[in-house]
């Protein structure tokens, strides 16, 4: 099988997968089956935090991230060093949130996601998805070639 666009990008593979809606859901389902879906959820929330330019909205997202994934009684805790959680809380609590608020947490989650992705790439669902995408691309190229031939006649 030839490499897909997901396998040839400069981005880490999991970033490419999570940027595709279908594969994002497939990988989240896979992670859920491994009891590690919280890593994808916090990644998504951190990306939302980073994309927001409104301070109050960022504050709400930061509190949500902390309360959902980082606090002692978080309903969906992620497995990262306590020092990263404490530093994030300190910045949130004192309202000194800066752009790099979740950098250490994101880096720890990145490692988990790369590990999850490695296993996800071997799943039947992913391989079937890529094969189907390849077939669709080949069919599209054939149609375009036929259309070009017809137009030149």
Protein backbone atom coordinates (compact mmCIF):
# COMPACT_ATOMS: atom_id res chain seq x y z
CA UNK A 1 0.00 0.00 0.00
CA UNK A 2 1.29 3.46 -0.83
CA UNK A 3 1.57 5.93 2.05
CA UNK A 4 -1.48 8.05 2.70
CA UNK A 5 -1.33 11.79 3.16
CA UNK A 6 -1.52 11.06 6.89
CA UNK A 7 1.72 9.12 6.72
CA UNK A 8 3.70 11.65 4.65
CA UNK A 9 3.02 14.92 6.47
CA UNK A 10 5.59 16.77 8.58
CA UNK A 11 3.18 16.76 11.54
CA UNK A 12 3.20 13.88 14.03
CA UNK A 13 0.88 11.17 12.78
CA UNK A 14 -1.62 11.58 15.61
CA UNK A 15 -2.02 15.31 14.79
CA UNK A 16 -2.94 14.44 11.20
CA UNK A 17 -5.34 11.76 12.33
CA UNK A 18 -7.01 14.06 14.85
CA UNK A 19 -7.42 16.74 12.17
CA UNK A 20 -9.57 14.36 10.08
CA UNK A 21 -13.10 14.16 11.52
CA UNK A 22 -13.65 10.50 10.61
CA UNK A 23 -10.27 9.33 11.89
CA UNK A 24 -10.57 11.53 14.97
CA UNK A 25 -13.73 9.67 15.96
CA UNK A 26 -12.22 6.30 15.08
CA UNK A 27 -9.12 6.96 17.17
CA UNK A 28 -11.24 8.28 20.05
CA UNK A 29 -13.32 5.07 19.94
CA UNK A 30 -10.12 3.04 19.93
CA UNK A 31 -8.71 5.05 22.84
CA UNK A 32 -12.00 4.62 24.70
CA UNK A 33 -11.66 0.84 24.31
CA UNK A 34 -8.22 1.15 25.96
CA UNK A 35 -9.55 3.47 28.67
CA UNK A 36 -7.37 6.33 27.44
CA UNK A 37 -9.81 8.60 25.60
CA UNK A 38 -9.18 11.39 28.13
CA UNK A 39 -5.87 12.03 26.38
CA UNK A 40 -7.66 12.90 23.15
CA UNK A 41 -10.24 14.96 25.01
CA UNK A 42 -7.66 17.06 26.84
CA UNK A 43 -5.67 17.50 23.61
CA UNK A 44 -8.81 18.84 21.91
CA UNK A 45 -9.49 21.20 24.83
CA UNK A 46 -5.93 22.51 24.86
CA UNK A 47 -6.16 23.21 21.12
CA UNK A 48 -9.43 25.08 21.75
CA UNK A 49 -7.73 27.06 24.54
CA UNK A 50 -4.85 27.98 22.25
CA UNK A 51 -7.15 29.08 19.42
CA UNK A 52 -9.24 31.39 21.60
CA UNK A 53 -8.27 35.05 21.66
CA UNK A 54 -10.89 36.09 24.22
CA UNK A 55 -9.46 36.23 27.75
CA UNK A 56 -12.71 35.29 29.53
CA UNK A 57 -13.31 32.38 27.18
CA UNK A 58 -9.74 31.20 27.74
CA UNK A 59 -10.32 31.44 31.48
CA UNK A 60 -13.44 29.26 31.18
CA UNK A 61 -11.63 26.71 29.04
CA UNK A 62 -8.66 26.66 31.43
CA UNK A 63 -10.95 26.00 34.39
CA UNK A 64 -12.75 23.28 32.46
CA UNK A 65 -9.43 21.62 31.56
CA UNK A 66 -8.21 21.77 35.12
CA UNK A 67 -11.46 20.59 36.73
CA UNK A 68 -12.09 17.83 34.19
CA UNK A 69 -8.59 16.41 33.67
CA UNK A 70 -6.09 17.74 36.21
CA UNK A 71 -7.61 18.28 39.65
CA UNK A 72 -7.41 15.66 42.39
CA UNK A 73 -11.09 14.78 41.97
CA UNK A 74 -11.18 15.17 38.15
CA UNK A 75 -13.80 12.94 36.52
CA UNK A 76 -11.46 12.18 33.58
CA UNK A 77 -7.93 12.39 35.00
CA UNK A 78 -4.89 12.24 32.76
CA UNK A 79 -1.73 10.57 33.95
CA UNK A 80 0.88 13.35 34.08
CA UNK A 81 3.31 14.66 36.67
CA UNK A 82 1.75 16.48 39.60
CA UNK A 83 4.17 19.38 39.24
CA UNK A 84 2.66 20.21 35.81
CA UNK A 85 -0.84 20.12 37.26
CA UNK A 86 0.19 22.34 40.18
CA UNK A 87 1.89 24.90 37.93
CA UNK A 88 -1.17 25.10 35.70
CA UNK A 89 -3.46 25.59 38.70
CA UNK A 90 -1.22 28.29 40.14
CA UNK A 91 -1.44 30.28 36.90
CA UNK A 92 -5.19 29.77 36.59
CA UNK A 93 -5.87 30.64 40.22
CA UNK A 94 -3.85 33.85 40.10
CA UNK A 95 -5.27 34.70 36.64
CA UNK A 96 -1.72 34.88 35.27
CA UNK A 97 -2.57 32.68 32.34
CA UNK A 98 -0.06 32.94 29.55
CA UNK A 99 0.06 31.33 26.13
CA UNK A 100 2.25 28.50 27.37
CA UNK A 101 -0.07 27.60 30.27
CA UNK A 102 -0.57 24.02 29.09
CA UNK A 103 2.75 23.40 27.29
CA UNK A 104 4.09 20.84 29.79
CA UNK A 105 0.75 19.09 29.98
CA UNK A 106 0.44 19.06 26.20
CA UNK A 107 3.90 17.53 25.90
CA UNK A 108 3.03 14.75 28.36
CA UNK A 109 -0.27 14.08 26.57
CA UNK A 110 1.56 14.13 23.21
CA UNK A 111 3.65 11.15 24.34
CA UNK A 112 0.50 9.25 25.31
CA UNK A 113 -1.19 10.09 22.01
CA UNK A 114 1.82 8.95 20.00
CA UNK A 115 1.67 5.64 21.84
CA UNK A 116 -2.09 5.29 21.27
CA UNK A 117 -1.64 6.22 17.62
CA UNK A 118 1.00 3.54 17.11
CA UNK A 119 -1.50 0.90 18.19
CA UNK A 120 -4.41 2.54 16.33
CA UNK A 121 -2.51 2.40 13.02
CA UNK A 122 -2.52 -1.40 13.24
CA UNK A 123 -6.28 -1.69 13.73
CA UNK A 124 -8.53 -3.24 11.15
CA UNK A 125 -10.70 -0.10 11.11
CA UNK A 126 -7.82 2.23 10.27
CA UNK A 127 -6.38 -0.07 7.59
CA UNK A 128 -9.82 -0.46 5.96
CA UNK A 129 -10.35 3.31 6.06
CA UNK A 130 -7.01 3.95 4.33
CA UNK A 131 -7.65 1.25 1.73
CA UNK A 132 -11.09 2.70 0.94
CA UNK A 133 -9.60 6.21 0.68
CA UNK A 134 -6.96 4.87 -1.71
CA UNK A 135 -9.62 3.21 -3.88
CA UNK A 136 -11.68 6.40 -3.98
CA UNK A 137 -8.63 8.40 -5.01
CA UNK A 138 -7.82 5.93 -7.81
CA UNK A 139 -11.43 6.08 -9.05
CA UNK A 140 -11.34 9.87 -8.99
CA UNK A 141 -8.10 9.92 -10.99
CA UNK A 142 -9.60 7.53 -13.57
CA UNK A 143 -12.69 9.75 -13.92
CA UNK A 144 -10.53 12.84 -14.32
CA UNK A 145 -8.43 11.07 -16.93
CA UNK A 146 -11.54 9.97 -18.85
CA UNK A 147 -12.99 13.49 -18.64
CA UNK A 148 -9.72 14.88 -20.00
CA UNK A 149 -9.69 12.36 -22.84
CA UNK A 150 -13.31 13.18 -23.78
CA UNK A 151 -12.62 16.91 -23.79
CA UNK A 152 -9.61 16.50 -26.06
CA UNK A 153 -11.65 14.63 -28.71
